[in-house]
Amino acid sequence: MKLPRDLPAWKVINALKRIGFWVEKQEGSHIRLFNGKVRVTVPNHPSLAPGTLKSILRQAGITLEELLAAI
C-alpha cells in the first residue's frame, strides 16, 4: 500500500494513542509518545511527508494498515 501524502500529524498521534501509546512530552513542535517499551517522535505538522510517516511506523513497530485502522 502506498503511503498517504496528506495525513496530518494530529491524526497519527490520535491513532497511536488508540494503539496504546501516550504522550510522554513535547519539545517545540515534536511530540514524543511512549508505550512502555518503545518511544516514537512525531513532528506536529499540518501534513507529514511519506518518509517521515515511514519512520514513525518503523519506530512504533506497526504497519500502515494497523495505523489506518486506528484512525
C-alpha atoms as a PDB file:
ATOM      1  CA  MET A   1       0.000   0.000   0.000  1.00  0.00           C
ATOM      2  CA  LYS A   2       1.274   3.456  -0.912  1.00  0.00           C
ATOM      3  CA  LEU A   3       1.951   5.900   1.937  1.00  0.00           C
ATOM      4  CA  PRO A   4      -0.534   8.802   2.094  1.00  0.00           C
ATOM      5  CA  ARG A   5       0.881  12.279   1.470  1.00  0.00           C
ATOM      6  CA  ASP A   6      -1.728  14.416   3.225  1.00  0.00           C
ATOM      7  CA  LEU A   7      -2.027  12.736   6.630  1.00  0.00           C
ATOM      8  CA  PRO A   8      -1.967  15.366   9.409  1.00  0.00           C
ATOM      9  CA  ALA A   9       0.146  14.739  12.496  1.00  0.00           C
ATOM     10  CA  TRP A  10      -2.819  15.021  14.886  1.00  0.00           C
ATOM     11  CA  LYS A  11      -4.495  12.030  13.192  1.00  0.00           C
ATOM     12  CA  VAL A  12      -1.310   9.958  13.518  1.00  0.00           C
ATOM     13  CA  ILE A  13      -0.935  10.952  17.189  1.00  0.00           C
ATOM     14  CA  ASN A  14      -4.565  10.062  17.960  1.00  0.00           C
ATOM     15  CA  ALA A  15      -4.197   6.715  16.159  1.00  0.00           C
ATOM     16  CA  LEU A  16      -1.042   5.916  18.138  1.00  0.00           C
ATOM     17  CA  LYS A  17      -2.919   6.754  21.352  1.00  0.00           C
ATOM     18  CA  ARG A  18      -5.666   4.290  20.364  1.00  0.00           C
ATOM     19  CA  ILE A  19      -2.999   1.644  19.719  1.00  0.00           C
ATOM     20  CA  GLY A  20      -1.624   2.065  23.245  1.00  0.00           C
ATOM     21  CA  PHE A  21       0.863   4.944  23.194  1.00  0.00           C
ATOM     22  CA  TRP A  22       0.590   8.017  25.408  1.00  0.00           C
ATOM     23  CA  VAL A  23       2.196  11.440  25.172  1.00  0.00           C
ATOM     24  CA  GLU A  24       5.393  11.446  27.202  1.00  0.00           C
ATOM     25  CA  LYS A  25       6.474  15.013  26.459  1.00  0.00           C
ATOM     26  CA  GLN A  26       6.604  17.743  23.839  1.00  0.00           C
ATOM     27  CA  GLU A  27       9.613  19.808  22.865  1.00  0.00           C
ATOM     28  CA  GLY A  28       8.734  22.555  20.424  1.00  0.00           C
ATOM     29  CA  SER A  29       6.822  21.011  17.544  1.00  0.00           C
ATOM     30  CA  HIS A  30       7.949  17.437  18.277  1.00  0.00           C
ATOM     31  CA  ILE A  31       5.702  15.200  20.360  1.00  0.00           C
ATOM     32  CA  ARG A  32       7.189  12.072  21.935  1.00  0.00           C
ATOM     33  CA  LEU A  33       4.882   9.115  22.568  1.00  0.00           C
ATOM     34  CA  PHE A  34       5.696   6.063  24.677  1.00  0.00           C
ATOM     35  CA  ASN A  35       4.062   2.677  25.219  1.00  0.00           C
ATOM     36  CA  GLY A  36       6.242   1.211  27.971  1.00  0.00           C
ATOM     37  CA  LYS A  37       8.858  -0.219  25.605  1.00  0.00           C
ATOM     38  CA  VAL A  38       9.060   1.988  22.530  1.00  0.00           C
ATOM     39  CA  ARG A  39       9.406   5.753  22.070  1.00  0.00           C
ATOM     40  CA  VAL A  40       8.098   7.439  18.922  1.00  0.00           C
ATOM     41  CA  THR A  41       8.703  11.062  17.945  1.00  0.00           C
ATOM     42  CA  VAL A  42       6.073  12.739  15.762  1.00  0.00           C
ATOM     43  CA  PRO A  43       6.565  16.256  14.370  1.00  0.00           C
ATOM     44  CA  ASN A  44       3.378  18.282  14.868  1.00  0.00           C
ATOM     45  CA  HIS A  45       2.974  19.443  11.255  1.00  0.00           C
ATOM     46  CA  PRO A  46      -0.157  20.032   9.133  1.00  0.00           C
ATOM     47  CA  SER A  47       0.818  17.123   6.864  1.00  0.00           C
ATOM     48  CA  LEU A  48       3.534  14.512   7.214  1.00  0.00           C
ATOM     49  CA  ALA A  49       5.907  13.658   4.392  1.00  0.00           C
ATOM     50  CA  PRO A  50       5.838   9.996   3.303  1.00  0.00           C
ATOM     51  CA  GLY A  51       9.401   9.431   4.554  1.00  0.00           C
ATOM     52  CA  THR A  52       8.517  10.876   7.961  1.00  0.00           C
ATOM     53  CA  LEU A  53       5.440   8.668   8.193  1.00  0.00           C
ATOM     54  CA  LYS A  54       7.532   5.637   7.245  1.00  0.00           C
ATOM     55  CA  SER A  55       9.998   6.495  10.029  1.00  0.00           C
ATOM     56  CA  ILE A  56       7.156   6.839  12.562  1.00  0.00           C
ATOM     57  CA  LEU A  57       5.771   3.436  11.568  1.00  0.00           C
ATOM     58  CA  ARG A  58       9.232   1.861  11.867  1.00  0.00           C
ATOM     59  CA  GLN A  59       9.832   3.432  15.306  1.00  0.00           C
ATOM     60  CA  ALA A  60       6.415   2.275  16.555  1.00  0.00           C
ATOM     61  CA  GLY A  61       6.799  -1.219  15.110  1.00  0.00           C
ATOM     62  CA  ILE A  62       3.418  -1.139  13.364  1.00  0.00           C
ATOM     63  CA  THR A  63       2.236  -1.397   9.767  1.00  0.00           C
ATOM     64  CA  LEU A  64       0.443   1.227   7.721  1.00  0.00           C
ATOM     65  CA  GLU A  65      -2.698  -0.914   7.785  1.00  0.00           C
ATOM     66  CA  GLU A  66      -2.654  -1.008  11.609  1.00  0.00           C
ATOM     67  CA  LEU A  67      -2.256   2.769  11.740  1.00  0.00           C
ATOM     68  CA  LEU A  68      -5.052   3.417   9.232  1.00  0.00           C
ATOM     69  CA  ALA A  69      -7.365   1.017  11.082  1.00  0.00           C
ATOM     70  CA  ALA A  70      -6.876   3.044  14.271  1.00  0.00           C
ATOM     71  CA  ILE A  71      -7.651   6.386  12.572  1.00  0.00           C
END
